[in-house]
Amino acid sequence: MPLCMLVISRRLRAADLFNQGVKLINQVHDSIILDVPNHLIDKVAEIIINVFRSIPELVSNYFDYDWIVPMDGEIKVGYNWSNMTKLKI
């Protein structure tokens, strides 16, 4: 998870999304919490899903280890934890 947060942070910065109001808030267990303006949700979600799907390649590049387990994630959006809905990507 720390590797994912690092790569997500780098990709959000490269896309200049931090300057557009996106905030990387925290990690809770297997979740990464962000604050994202409504008009950027799809763009940020695409970046995050692409990072999770590229974990085997990232692990290989950073740690010289062949990760063979495919990884995926899901994106949920909402104003608070009790009002989350799954985003279809």
N, C-alpha and C. Protein backbone atom coordinates (compact mmCIF):
# COMPACT_ATOMS: atom_id res chain seq x y z
N MET A 1 0.82 -1.20 0.00
CA MET A 1 0.00 0.00 0.00
C MET A 1 0.86 1.27 0.00
N PRO A 2 1.95 1.32 0.76
CA PRO A 2 2.79 2.52 0.69
C PRO A 2 3.34 2.78 -0.72
N LEU A 3 3.68 1.72 -1.45
CA LEU A 3 4.16 1.89 -2.82
C LEU A 3 3.07 2.51 -3.68
N CYS A 4 1.84 2.03 -3.53
CA CYS A 4 0.71 2.59 -4.30
C CYS A 4 0.51 4.07 -3.96
N MET A 5 0.58 4.42 -2.68
CA MET A 5 0.39 5.81 -2.30
C MET A 5 1.49 6.69 -2.90
N LEU A 6 2.71 6.20 -2.90
CA LEU A 6 3.82 6.95 -3.48
C LEU A 6 3.60 7.18 -4.97
N VAL A 7 3.25 6.13 -5.68
CA VAL A 7 3.05 6.24 -7.13
C VAL A 7 1.82 7.10 -7.45
N ILE A 8 0.75 6.93 -6.69
CA ILE A 8 -0.45 7.76 -6.89
C ILE A 8 -0.10 9.22 -6.68
N SER A 9 0.63 9.51 -5.61
CA SER A 9 1.03 10.89 -5.33
C SER A 9 1.85 11.47 -6.49
N ARG A 10 2.78 10.71 -6.99
CA ARG A 10 3.61 11.18 -8.11
C ARG A 10 2.78 11.43 -9.37
N ARG A 11 1.83 10.54 -9.63
CA ARG A 11 1.01 10.71 -10.85
C ARG A 11 0.02 11.86 -10.72
N LEU A 12 -0.53 12.05 -9.52
CA LEU A 12 -1.42 13.20 -9.30
C LEU A 12 -0.64 14.50 -9.44
N ARG A 13 0.58 14.52 -8.92
CA ARG A 13 1.41 15.72 -9.04
C ARG A 13 1.78 15.97 -10.50
N ALA A 14 2.13 14.92 -11.23
CA ALA A 14 2.50 15.06 -12.64
C ALA A 14 1.33 15.59 -13.48
N ALA A 15 0.11 15.23 -13.09
CA ALA A 15 -1.08 15.71 -13.80
C ALA A 15 -1.57 17.05 -13.25
N ASP A 16 -0.81 17.64 -12.33
CA ASP A 16 -1.12 18.93 -11.71
C ASP A 16 -2.47 18.92 -11.00
N LEU A 17 -2.85 17.78 -10.45
CA LEU A 17 -4.16 17.68 -9.80
C LEU A 17 -4.15 18.20 -8.37
N PHE A 18 -2.99 18.22 -7.71
CA PHE A 18 -2.93 18.80 -6.36
C PHE A 18 -3.24 20.29 -6.41
N ASN A 19 -2.84 20.94 -7.46
CA ASN A 19 -3.12 22.37 -7.62
C ASN A 19 -4.56 22.64 -8.04
N GLN A 20 -5.32 21.57 -8.32
CA GLN A 20 -6.72 21.73 -8.71
C GLN A 20 -7.67 21.28 -7.60
N GLY A 21 -7.12 21.07 -6.39
CA GLY A 21 -7.97 20.77 -5.24
C GLY A 21 -7.98 19.33 -4.79
N VAL A 22 -7.25 18.45 -5.45
CA VAL A 22 -7.19 17.05 -5.02
C VAL A 22 -6.26 16.95 -3.81
N LYS A 23 -6.71 16.21 -2.79
CA LYS A 23 -5.91 16.02 -1.59
C LYS A 23 -5.81 14.53 -1.27
N LEU A 24 -4.60 14.05 -1.09
CA LEU A 24 -4.35 12.69 -0.65
C LEU A 24 -4.39 12.73 0.87
N ILE A 25 -5.44 12.18 1.48
CA ILE A 25 -5.71 12.38 2.90
C ILE A 25 -5.02 11.34 3.79
N ASN A 26 -5.27 10.06 3.54
CA ASN A 26 -4.81 9.04 4.48
C ASN A 26 -4.94 7.65 3.86
N GLN A 27 -4.40 6.69 4.58
CA GLN A 27 -4.58 5.28 4.26
C GLN A 27 -5.22 4.63 5.48
N VAL A 28 -6.26 3.85 5.26
CA VAL A 28 -6.92 3.11 6.33
C VAL A 28 -7.00 1.66 5.89
N HIS A 29 -6.21 0.80 6.53
CA HIS A 29 -6.12 -0.61 6.18
C HIS A 29 -5.78 -0.77 4.70
N ASP A 30 -6.74 -1.20 3.89
CA ASP A 30 -6.46 -1.40 2.46
C ASP A 30 -7.14 -0.33 1.60
N SER A 31 -7.43 0.82 2.20
CA SER A 31 -8.09 1.91 1.48
C SER A 31 -7.20 3.14 1.45
N ILE A 32 -7.27 3.86 0.37
CA ILE A 32 -6.59 5.15 0.25
C ILE A 32 -7.68 6.21 0.15
N ILE A 33 -7.61 7.19 1.05
CA ILE A 33 -8.63 8.22 1.15
C ILE A 33 -8.15 9.50 0.48
N LEU A 34 -8.97 10.01 -0.43
CA LEU A 34 -8.66 11.26 -1.11
C LEU A 34 -9.86 12.20 -1.02
N ASP A 35 -9.58 13.47 -1.08
CA ASP A 35 -10.62 14.49 -1.22
C ASP A 35 -10.49 15.03 -2.64
N VAL A 36 -11.54 14.84 -3.43
CA VAL A 36 -11.47 15.16 -4.86
C VAL A 36 -12.68 16.00 -5.26
N PRO A 37 -12.45 17.14 -5.91
CA PRO A 37 -13.59 17.90 -6.43
C PRO A 37 -14.41 17.04 -7.41
N ASN A 38 -15.70 17.25 -7.40
CA ASN A 38 -16.60 16.41 -8.22
C ASN A 38 -16.19 16.34 -9.68
N HIS A 39 -15.75 17.44 -10.26
CA HIS A 39 -15.44 17.44 -11.69
C HIS A 39 -14.15 16.69 -12.03
N LEU A 40 -13.39 16.28 -11.01
CA LEU A 40 -12.14 15.53 -11.25
C LEU A 40 -12.22 14.07 -10.84
N ILE A 41 -13.37 13.62 -10.36
CA ILE A 41 -13.49 12.26 -9.85
C ILE A 41 -13.09 11.22 -10.90
N ASP A 42 -13.60 11.33 -12.10
CA ASP A 42 -13.29 10.32 -13.13
C ASP A 42 -11.80 10.30 -13.47
N LYS A 43 -11.20 11.47 -13.58
CA LYS A 43 -9.78 11.56 -13.92
C LYS A 43 -8.91 10.94 -12.82
N VAL A 44 -9.21 11.26 -11.57
CA VAL A 44 -8.44 10.72 -10.44
C VAL A 44 -8.68 9.22 -10.31
N ALA A 45 -9.92 8.79 -10.48
CA ALA A 45 -10.24 7.36 -10.39
C ALA A 45 -9.46 6.56 -11.43
N GLU A 46 -9.34 7.09 -12.63
CA GLU A 46 -8.58 6.41 -13.69
C GLU A 46 -7.10 6.26 -13.29
N ILE A 47 -6.53 7.30 -12.72
CA ILE A 47 -5.14 7.23 -12.28
C ILE A 47 -4.97 6.17 -11.21
N ILE A 48 -5.87 6.15 -10.24
CA ILE A 48 -5.75 5.20 -9.13
C ILE A 48 -5.91 3.76 -9.61
N ILE A 49 -6.91 3.50 -10.42
CA ILE A 49 -7.11 2.14 -10.94
C ILE A 49 -5.91 1.70 -11.76
N ASN A 50 -5.37 2.59 -12.58
CA ASN A 50 -4.19 2.23 -13.38
C ASN A 50 -3.00 1.90 -12.50
N VAL A 51 -2.84 2.60 -11.39
CA VAL A 51 -1.74 2.28 -10.46
C VAL A 51 -1.95 0.89 -9.88
N PHE A 52 -3.15 0.58 -9.41
CA PHE A 52 -3.39 -0.73 -8.82
C PHE A 52 -3.19 -1.85 -9.85
N ARG A 53 -3.62 -1.62 -11.05
CA ARG A 53 -3.46 -2.64 -12.08
C ARG A 53 -2.00 -2.81 -12.50
N SER A 54 -1.17 -1.81 -12.24
CA SER A 54 0.25 -1.89 -12.61
C SER A 54 1.14 -2.35 -11.45
N ILE A 55 0.55 -2.79 -10.34
CA ILE A 55 1.33 -3.21 -9.18
C ILE A 55 2.36 -4.29 -9.53
N PRO A 56 2.02 -5.33 -10.28
CA PRO A 56 3.07 -6.33 -10.60
C PRO A 56 4.29 -5.70 -11.28
N GLU A 57 4.06 -4.80 -12.21
CA GLU A 57 5.17 -4.13 -12.89
C GLU A 57 5.93 -3.21 -11.92
N LEU A 58 5.20 -2.50 -11.06
CA LEU A 58 5.85 -1.61 -10.10
C LEU A 58 6.73 -2.39 -9.13
N VAL A 59 6.21 -3.51 -8.63
CA VAL A 59 6.99 -4.34 -7.70
C VAL A 59 8.24 -4.85 -8.39
N SER A 60 8.10 -5.26 -9.63
CA SER A 60 9.26 -5.74 -10.38
C SER A 60 10.29 -4.63 -10.55
N ASN A 61 9.84 -3.43 -10.88
CA ASN A 61 10.76 -2.30 -11.11
C ASN A 61 11.43 -1.84 -9.82
N TYR A 62 10.67 -1.74 -8.74
CA TYR A 62 11.22 -1.21 -7.50
C TYR A 62 12.01 -2.24 -6.69
N PHE A 63 11.56 -3.51 -6.74
CA PHE A 63 12.13 -4.52 -5.85
C PHE A 63 12.78 -5.70 -6.56
N ASP A 64 12.79 -5.66 -7.89
CA ASP A 64 13.36 -6.75 -8.68
C ASP A 64 12.78 -8.10 -8.26
N TYR A 65 11.46 -8.13 -8.17
CA TYR A 65 10.73 -9.33 -7.76
C TYR A 65 9.56 -9.52 -8.72
N ASP A 66 9.37 -10.74 -9.20
CA ASP A 66 8.27 -11.03 -10.12
C ASP A 66 6.99 -11.30 -9.36
N TRP A 67 6.12 -10.31 -9.33
CA TRP A 67 4.82 -10.42 -8.68
C TRP A 67 3.85 -10.99 -9.70
N ILE A 68 3.30 -12.17 -9.45
CA ILE A 68 2.46 -12.82 -10.45
C ILE A 68 0.97 -12.75 -10.13
N VAL A 69 0.63 -12.17 -9.00
CA VAL A 69 -0.78 -12.07 -8.61
C VAL A 69 -1.37 -10.78 -9.20
N PRO A 70 -2.39 -10.90 -10.04
CA PRO A 70 -2.99 -9.67 -10.59
C PRO A 70 -3.68 -8.88 -9.47
N MET A 71 -3.59 -7.57 -9.57
CA MET A 71 -4.20 -6.71 -8.56
C MET A 71 -5.22 -5.81 -9.24
N ASP A 72 -6.24 -5.49 -8.50
CA ASP A 72 -7.26 -4.58 -8.98
C ASP A 72 -7.82 -3.86 -7.77
N GLY A 73 -8.61 -2.90 -7.98
CA GLY A 73 -9.21 -2.16 -6.89
C GLY A 73 -10.58 -1.69 -7.29
N GLU A 74 -11.25 -1.07 -6.35
CA GLU A 74 -12.54 -0.47 -6.64
C GLU A 74 -12.52 0.95 -6.09
N ILE A 75 -13.29 1.78 -6.71
CA ILE A 75 -13.37 3.18 -6.31
C ILE A 75 -14.78 3.42 -5.76
N LYS A 76 -14.83 3.97 -4.57
CA LYS A 76 -16.10 4.38 -3.98
C LYS A 76 -16.04 5.87 -3.73
N VAL A 77 -17.15 6.54 -3.97
CA VAL A 77 -17.23 7.98 -3.76
C VAL A 77 -18.39 8.31 -2.85
N GLY A 78 -18.24 9.39 -2.11
CA GLY A 78 -19.31 9.85 -1.23
C GLY A 78 -18.82 10.96 -0.33
N TYR A 79 -19.75 11.60 0.33
CA TYR A 79 -19.41 12.71 1.22
C TYR A 79 -18.92 12.22 2.58
N ASN A 80 -19.25 10.97 2.94
CA ASN A 80 -18.77 10.38 4.19
C ASN A 80 -18.82 8.86 4.07
N TRP A 81 -18.29 8.17 5.07
CA TRP A 81 -18.17 6.70 5.01
C TRP A 81 -19.53 6.01 4.86
N SER A 82 -20.59 6.58 5.42
CA SER A 82 -21.89 5.91 5.38
C SER A 82 -22.65 6.16 4.08
N ASN A 83 -22.15 7.05 3.25
CA ASN A 83 -22.84 7.37 2.00
C ASN A 83 -21.95 7.11 0.78
N MET A 84 -21.25 6.00 0.78
CA MET A 84 -20.34 5.68 -0.32
C MET A 84 -21.07 4.83 -1.37
N THR A 85 -20.79 5.11 -2.62
CA THR A 85 -21.30 4.29 -3.71
C THR A 85 -20.13 3.92 -4.62
N LYS A 86 -20.21 2.72 -5.17
CA LYS A 86 -19.15 2.23 -6.03
C LYS A 86 -19.21 2.96 -7.37
N LEU A 87 -18.04 3.40 -7.82
CA LEU A 87 -17.92 4.08 -9.10
C LEU A 87 -17.62 3.05 -10.17
N LYS A 88 -18.37 3.05 -11.24
CA LYS A 88 -18.12 2.13 -12.34
C LYS A 88 -17.06 2.73 -13.25
N ILE A 89 -16.01 1.94 -13.50
CA ILE A 89 -14.91 2.43 -14.32
C ILE A 89 -14.79 1.56 -15.56
